[in-house]
Amino acid sequence: MKEICVYNKKLRVRHITTQIRKMVEILIKNSQSKNKEYKFSDEIFYFEDGKMGSFGFVYESNEYIGGGKHISDVEFYDTDGTLCVATMFAYDNNFVDSVDIWKVDFSPLIKIPTNENDFFIPNEKSKIITR
Protein backbone atom coordinates (compact mmCIF):
# COMPACT_ATOMS: atom_id res chain seq x y z
CA MET A 1 0.00 0.00 0.00
CA LYS A 2 1.44 3.36 -1.09
CA GLU A 3 1.46 6.17 1.49
CA ILE A 4 2.27 9.88 1.52
CA CYS A 5 3.49 12.02 4.40
CA VAL A 6 1.00 14.83 5.12
CA TYR A 7 1.75 17.18 8.00
CA ASN A 8 3.85 14.47 9.70
CA LYS A 9 1.19 11.77 9.23
CA LYS A 10 1.27 8.83 6.82
CA LEU A 11 -1.91 8.71 4.71
CA ARG A 12 -2.96 6.07 2.20
CA VAL A 13 -2.71 6.94 -1.50
CA ARG A 14 -5.74 5.99 -3.59
CA HIS A 15 -6.68 6.08 -7.27
CA ILE A 16 -8.95 9.00 -8.22
CA THR A 17 -12.64 8.12 -8.56
CA THR A 18 -14.90 9.08 -11.45
CA GLN A 19 -16.90 11.39 -9.16
CA ILE A 20 -13.80 13.22 -7.94
CA ARG A 21 -12.40 13.54 -11.47
CA LYS A 22 -15.71 15.05 -12.65
CA MET A 23 -15.83 17.52 -9.75
CA VAL A 24 -12.23 18.65 -10.38
CA GLU A 25 -12.98 19.15 -14.08
CA ILE A 26 -16.01 21.28 -13.12
CA LEU A 27 -13.89 23.31 -10.68
CA ILE A 28 -11.29 23.91 -13.40
CA LYS A 29 -13.92 24.85 -15.99
CA ASN A 30 -15.50 27.36 -13.62
CA SER A 31 -12.31 28.97 -12.35
CA GLN A 32 -11.98 32.71 -12.73
CA SER A 33 -8.50 32.23 -14.19
CA LYS A 34 -7.92 32.91 -17.88
CA ASN A 35 -5.71 29.81 -17.89
CA LYS A 36 -7.85 26.68 -17.73
CA GLU A 37 -4.92 24.34 -18.39
CA TYR A 38 -4.69 22.91 -14.89
CA LYS A 39 -3.30 19.40 -14.53
CA PHE A 40 -3.93 16.81 -11.85
CA SER A 41 -2.74 13.38 -10.91
CA ASP A 42 -4.63 10.09 -10.92
CA GLU A 43 -3.49 9.56 -7.33
CA ILE A 44 -5.04 11.26 -4.33
CA PHE A 45 -5.13 11.04 -0.56
CA TYR A 46 -7.92 12.06 1.80
CA PHE A 47 -7.20 14.59 4.54
CA GLU A 48 -8.19 13.66 8.07
CA ASP A 49 -11.12 16.09 8.16
CA GLY A 50 -13.91 14.15 9.82
CA LYS A 51 -14.57 12.34 6.51
CA MET A 52 -16.00 15.46 4.83
CA GLY A 53 -14.12 14.40 1.69
CA SER A 54 -11.23 16.88 1.33
CA PHE A 55 -8.37 15.47 -0.70
CA GLY A 56 -4.97 16.33 -2.10
CA PHE A 57 -3.15 15.17 -5.19
CA VAL A 58 -0.04 12.98 -5.13
CA TYR A 59 2.75 13.85 -7.53
CA GLU A 60 6.38 12.70 -7.62
CA SER A 61 7.22 13.45 -3.99
CA ASN A 62 6.31 11.21 -1.07
CA GLU A 63 5.39 14.28 0.96
CA TYR A 64 2.51 16.73 0.56
CA ILE A 65 3.73 20.32 0.19
CA GLY A 66 0.46 22.29 0.28
CA GLY A 67 0.32 26.03 -0.22
CA GLY A 68 -1.66 26.20 -3.44
CA LYS A 69 -3.62 29.34 -4.34
CA HIS A 70 -7.42 29.52 -4.43
CA ILE A 71 -8.70 28.82 -7.95
CA SER A 72 -12.39 27.97 -7.83
CA ASP A 73 -15.46 27.07 -5.74
CA VAL A 74 -18.59 25.08 -6.45
CA GLU A 75 -21.40 23.96 -4.19
CA PHE A 76 -23.58 20.88 -4.16
CA TYR A 77 -26.00 19.10 -1.88
CA ASP A 78 -25.05 15.77 -0.36
CA THR A 79 -27.63 12.98 -0.60
CA ASP A 80 -28.91 13.90 2.89
CA GLY A 81 -29.73 17.43 1.64
CA THR A 82 -26.82 19.15 3.43
CA LEU A 83 -24.98 21.90 1.55
CA CYS A 84 -21.32 21.20 0.68
CA VAL A 85 -18.72 23.66 -0.59
CA ALA A 86 -15.78 22.43 -2.69
CA THR A 87 -12.78 24.77 -3.02
CA MET A 88 -9.88 24.02 -5.36
CA PHE A 89 -6.29 25.16 -4.84
CA ALA A 90 -3.46 24.98 -7.40
CA TYR A 91 0.26 25.65 -7.48
CA ASP A 92 1.92 28.30 -9.67
CA ASN A 93 2.92 25.54 -12.13
CA ASN A 94 -0.82 24.84 -12.79
CA PHE A 95 -0.87 21.51 -10.98
CA VAL A 96 -3.90 21.14 -8.73
CA ASP A 97 -2.85 21.04 -5.08
CA SER A 98 -6.04 19.98 -3.33
CA VAL A 99 -9.80 20.28 -3.04
CA ASP A 100 -11.25 21.23 0.32
CA ILE A 101 -14.79 19.97 0.85
CA TRP A 102 -16.74 21.50 3.69
CA LYS A 103 -20.07 19.99 4.62
CA VAL A 104 -21.77 22.81 6.51
CA ASP A 105 -22.94 20.60 9.38
CA PHE A 106 -19.48 18.95 9.64
CA SER A 107 -20.94 15.47 9.14
CA PRO A 108 -19.19 12.91 6.90
CA LEU A 109 -19.69 13.28 3.15
CA ILE A 110 -21.99 10.60 1.75
CA LYS A 111 -21.56 11.06 -2.00
CA ILE A 112 -20.14 13.51 -4.53
CA PRO A 113 -22.71 14.06 -7.30
CA THR A 114 -22.16 12.42 -10.66
CA ASN A 115 -24.44 14.76 -12.61
CA GLU A 116 -22.76 18.02 -13.64
CA ASN A 117 -26.07 19.87 -13.16
CA ASP A 118 -25.99 19.08 -9.43
CA PHE A 119 -23.10 21.54 -8.94
CA PHE A 120 -23.65 25.29 -8.74
CA ILE A 121 -21.57 28.41 -8.28
CA PRO A 122 -21.69 29.93 -4.77
CA ASN A 123 -24.12 32.83 -4.38
CA GLU A 124 -25.61 32.07 -7.79
CA LYS A 125 -27.85 29.15 -6.90
CA SER A 126 -30.14 29.91 -9.82
CA LYS A 127 -27.21 29.51 -12.23
CA ILE A 128 -26.70 25.78 -12.75
CA ILE A 129 -23.42 24.70 -14.30
CA THR A 130 -24.01 23.23 -17.74
CA ARG A 131 -21.84 22.22 -20.63
C-alpha atoms as a PDB file:
ATOM      1  CA  MET A   1       0.000   0.000   0.000  1.00  0.00           C
ATOM      2  CA  LYS A   2       1.437   3.361  -1.087  1.00  0.00           C
ATOM      3  CA  GLU A   3       1.459   6.174   1.493  1.00  0.00           C
ATOM      4  CA  ILE A   4       2.269   9.878   1.522  1.00  0.00           C
ATOM      5  CA  CYS A   5       3.494  12.021   4.401  1.00  0.00           C
ATOM      6  CA  VAL A   6       1.002  14.826   5.120  1.00  0.00           C
ATOM      7  CA  TYR A   7       1.746  17.183   8.004  1.00  0.00           C
ATOM      8  CA  ASN A   8       3.846  14.471   9.698  1.00  0.00           C
ATOM      9  CA  LYS A   9       1.195  11.766   9.234  1.00  0.00           C
ATOM     10  CA  LYS A  10       1.268   8.831   6.821  1.00  0.00           C
ATOM     11  CA  LEU A  11      -1.911   8.713   4.711  1.00  0.00           C
ATOM     12  CA  ARG A  12      -2.958   6.070   2.203  1.00  0.00           C
ATOM     13  CA  VAL A  13      -2.712   6.945  -1.503  1.00  0.00           C
ATOM     14  CA  ARG A  14      -5.741   5.994  -3.595  1.00  0.00           C
ATOM     15  CA  HIS A  15      -6.684   6.077  -7.267  1.00  0.00           C
ATOM     16  CA  ILE A  16      -8.948   8.999  -8.220  1.00  0.00           C
ATOM     17  CA  THR A  17     -12.640   8.116  -8.562  1.00  0.00           C
ATOM     18  CA  THR A  18     -14.901   9.085 -11.449  1.00  0.00           C
ATOM     19  CA  GLN A  19     -16.903  11.391  -9.159  1.00  0.00           C
ATOM     20  CA  ILE A  20     -13.800  13.219  -7.943  1.00  0.00           C
ATOM     21  CA  ARG A  21     -12.405  13.543 -11.474  1.00  0.00           C
ATOM     22  CA  LYS A  22     -15.711  15.050 -12.655  1.00  0.00           C
ATOM     23  CA  MET A  23     -15.831  17.525  -9.754  1.00  0.00           C
ATOM     24  CA  VAL A  24     -12.227  18.653 -10.380  1.00  0.00           C
ATOM     25  CA  GLU A  25     -12.977  19.149 -14.082  1.00  0.00           C
ATOM     26  CA  ILE A  26     -16.011  21.276 -13.122  1.00  0.00           C
ATOM     27  CA  LEU A  27     -13.892  23.312 -10.680  1.00  0.00           C
ATOM     28  CA  ILE A  28     -11.291  23.910 -13.402  1.00  0.00           C
ATOM     29  CA  LYS A  29     -13.922  24.848 -15.987  1.00  0.00           C
ATOM     30  CA  ASN A  30     -15.497  27.359 -13.616  1.00  0.00           C
ATOM     31  CA  SER A  31     -12.308  28.965 -12.347  1.00  0.00           C
ATOM     32  CA  GLN A  32     -11.982  32.708 -12.732  1.00  0.00           C
ATOM     33  CA  SER A  33      -8.504  32.229 -14.193  1.00  0.00           C
ATOM     34  CA  LYS A  34      -7.925  32.906 -17.877  1.00  0.00           C
ATOM     35  CA  ASN A  35      -5.705  29.814 -17.886  1.00  0.00           C
ATOM     36  CA  LYS A  36      -7.850  26.684 -17.731  1.00  0.00           C
ATOM     37  CA  GLU A  37      -4.918  24.342 -18.394  1.00  0.00           C
ATOM     38  CA  TYR A  38      -4.686  22.910 -14.889  1.00  0.00           C
ATOM     39  CA  LYS A  39      -3.296  19.399 -14.532  1.00  0.00           C
ATOM     40  CA  PHE A  40      -3.932  16.813 -11.850  1.00  0.00           C
ATOM     41  CA  SER A  41      -2.739  13.380 -10.907  1.00  0.00           C
ATOM     42  CA  ASP A  42      -4.632  10.086 -10.924  1.00  0.00           C
ATOM     43  CA  GLU A  43      -3.491   9.556  -7.332  1.00  0.00           C
ATOM     44  CA  ILE A  44      -5.043  11.264  -4.329  1.00  0.00           C
ATOM     45  CA  PHE A  45      -5.134  11.043  -0.558  1.00  0.00           C
ATOM     46  CA  TYR A  46      -7.917  12.061   1.799  1.00  0.00           C
ATOM     47  CA  PHE A  47      -7.197  14.590   4.540  1.00  0.00           C
ATOM     48  CA  GLU A  48      -8.190  13.660   8.068  1.00  0.00           C
ATOM     49  CA  ASP A  49     -11.117  16.093   8.164  1.00  0.00           C
ATOM     50  CA  GLY A  50     -13.913  14.147   9.822  1.00  0.00           C
ATOM     51  CA  LYS A  51     -14.566  12.345   6.515  1.00  0.00           C
ATOM     52  CA  MET A  52     -16.003  15.459   4.834  1.00  0.00           C
ATOM     53  CA  GLY A  53     -14.125  14.399   1.686  1.00  0.00           C
ATOM     54  CA  SER A  54     -11.232  16.876   1.326  1.00  0.00           C
ATOM     55  CA  PHE A  55      -8.370  15.467  -0.697  1.00  0.00           C
ATOM     56  CA  GLY A  56      -4.969  16.327  -2.101  1.00  0.00           C
ATOM     57  CA  PHE A  57      -3.145  15.169  -5.193  1.00  0.00           C
ATOM     58  CA  VAL A  58      -0.044  12.984  -5.134  1.00  0.00           C
ATOM     59  CA  TYR A  59       2.748  13.851  -7.530  1.00  0.00           C
ATOM     60  CA  GLU A  60       6.382  12.698  -7.618  1.00  0.00           C
ATOM     61  CA  SER A  61       7.221  13.445  -3.988  1.00  0.00           C
ATOM     62  CA  ASN A  62       6.308  11.210  -1.071  1.00  0.00           C
ATOM     63  CA  GLU A  63       5.387  14.280   0.957  1.00  0.00           C
ATOM     64  CA  TYR A  64       2.512  16.730   0.556  1.00  0.00           C
ATOM     65  CA  ILE A  65       3.728  20.316   0.191  1.00  0.00           C
ATOM     66  CA  GLY A  66       0.457  22.294   0.279  1.00  0.00           C
ATOM     67  CA  GLY A  67       0.317  26.029  -0.222  1.00  0.00           C
ATOM     68  CA  GLY A  68      -1.664  26.202  -3.439  1.00  0.00           C
ATOM     69  CA  LYS A  69      -3.623  29.336  -4.345  1.00  0.00           C
ATOM     70  CA  HIS A  70      -7.420  29.522  -4.426  1.00  0.00           C
ATOM     71  CA  ILE A  71      -8.702  28.818  -7.946  1.00  0.00           C
ATOM     72  CA  SER A  72     -12.391  27.967  -7.832  1.00  0.00           C
ATOM     73  CA  ASP A  73     -15.458  27.073  -5.738  1.00  0.00           C
ATOM     74  CA  VAL A  74     -18.588  25.079  -6.447  1.00  0.00           C
ATOM     75  CA  GLU A  75     -21.400  23.963  -4.187  1.00  0.00           C
ATOM     76  CA  PHE A  76     -23.576  20.879  -4.156  1.00  0.00           C
ATOM     77  CA  TYR A  77     -26.001  19.101  -1.877  1.00  0.00           C
ATOM     78  CA  ASP A  78     -25.052  15.768  -0.355  1.00  0.00           C
ATOM     79  CA  THR A  79     -27.632  12.977  -0.598  1.00  0.00           C
ATOM     80  CA  ASP A  80     -28.911  13.904   2.887  1.00  0.00           C
ATOM     81  CA  GLY A  81     -29.726  17.433   1.636  1.00  0.00           C
ATOM     82  CA  THR A  82     -26.823  19.146   3.427  1.00  0.00           C
ATOM     83  CA  LEU A  83     -24.976  21.900   1.548  1.00  0.00           C
ATOM     84  CA  CYS A  84     -21.320  21.197   0.678  1.00  0.00           C
ATOM     85  CA  VAL A  85     -18.719  23.660  -0.593  1.00  0.00           C
ATOM     86  CA  ALA A  86     -15.782  22.429  -2.685  1.00  0.00           C
ATOM     87  CA  THR A  87     -12.784  24.767  -3.020  1.00  0.00           C
ATOM     88  CA  MET A  88      -9.884  24.015  -5.356  1.00  0.00           C
ATOM     89  CA  PHE A  89      -6.294  25.161  -4.838  1.00  0.00           C
ATOM     90  CA  ALA A  90      -3.458  24.982  -7.397  1.00  0.00           C
ATOM     91  CA  TYR A  91       0.260  25.654  -7.483  1.00  0.00           C
ATOM     92  CA  ASP A  92       1.920  28.303  -9.665  1.00  0.00           C
ATOM     93  CA  ASN A  93       2.923  25.543 -12.127  1.00  0.00           C
ATOM     94  CA  ASN A  94      -0.822  24.843 -12.787  1.00  0.00           C
ATOM     95  CA  PHE A  95      -0.868  21.510 -10.980  1.00  0.00           C
ATOM     96  CA  VAL A  96      -3.900  21.140  -8.730  1.00  0.00           C
ATOM     97  CA  ASP A  97      -2.851  21.042  -5.077  1.00  0.00           C
ATOM     98  CA  SER A  98      -6.043  19.979  -3.327  1.00  0.00           C
ATOM     99  CA  VAL A  99      -9.801  20.280  -3.040  1.00  0.00           C
ATOM    100  CA  ASP A 100     -11.245  21.229   0.321  1.00  0.00           C
ATOM    101  CA  ILE A 101     -14.785  19.971   0.850  1.00  0.00           C
ATOM    102  CA  TRP A 102     -16.735  21.496   3.688  1.00  0.00           C
ATOM    103  CA  LYS A 103     -20.071  19.988   4.617  1.00  0.00           C
ATOM    104  CA  VAL A 104     -21.766  22.812   6.506  1.00  0.00           C
ATOM    105  CA  ASP A 105     -22.940  20.597   9.376  1.00  0.00           C
ATOM    106  CA  PHE A 106     -19.482  18.954   9.644  1.00  0.00           C
ATOM    107  CA  SER A 107     -20.937  15.470   9.143  1.00  0.00           C
ATOM    108  CA  PRO A 108     -19.186  12.907   6.905  1.00  0.00           C
ATOM    109  CA  LEU A 109     -19.685  13.277   3.151  1.00  0.00           C
ATOM    110  CA  ILE A 110     -21.986  10.603   1.747  1.00  0.00           C
ATOM    111  CA  LYS A 111     -21.560  11.065  -1.997  1.00  0.00           C
ATOM    112  CA  ILE A 112     -20.142  13.512  -4.532  1.00  0.00           C
ATOM    113  CA  PRO A 113     -22.714  14.055  -7.302  1.00  0.00           C
ATOM    114  CA  THR A 114     -22.159  12.417 -10.663  1.00  0.00           C
ATOM    115  CA  ASN A 115     -24.441  14.762 -12.612  1.00  0.00           C
ATOM    116  CA  GLU A 116     -22.764  18.024 -13.639  1.00  0.00           C
ATOM    117  CA  ASN A 117     -26.069  19.871 -13.159  1.00  0.00           C
ATOM    118  CA  ASP A 118     -25.994  19.084  -9.428  1.00  0.00           C
ATOM    119  CA  PHE A 119     -23.098  21.540  -8.944  1.00  0.00           C
ATOM    120  CA  PHE A 120     -23.651  25.287  -8.743  1.00  0.00           C
ATOM    121  CA  ILE A 121     -21.572  28.407  -8.280  1.00  0.00           C
ATOM    122  CA  PRO A 122     -21.689  29.934  -4.772  1.00  0.00           C
ATOM    123  CA  ASN A 123     -24.118  32.831  -4.378  1.00  0.00           C
ATOM    124  CA  GLU A 124     -25.606  32.066  -7.794  1.00  0.00           C
ATOM    125  CA  LYS A 125     -27.852  29.150  -6.899  1.00  0.00           C
ATOM    126  CA  SER A 126     -30.135  29.906  -9.825  1.00  0.00           C
ATOM    127  CA  LYS A 127     -27.214  29.506 -12.231  1.00  0.00           C
ATOM    128  CA  ILE A 128     -26.704  25.783 -12.750  1.00  0.00           C
ATOM    129  CA  ILE A 129     -23.417  24.700 -14.300  1.00  0.00           C
ATOM    130  CA  THR A 130     -24.012  23.227 -17.735  1.00  0.00           C
ATOM    131  CA  ARG A 131     -21.844  22.223 -20.626  1.00  0.00           C
END
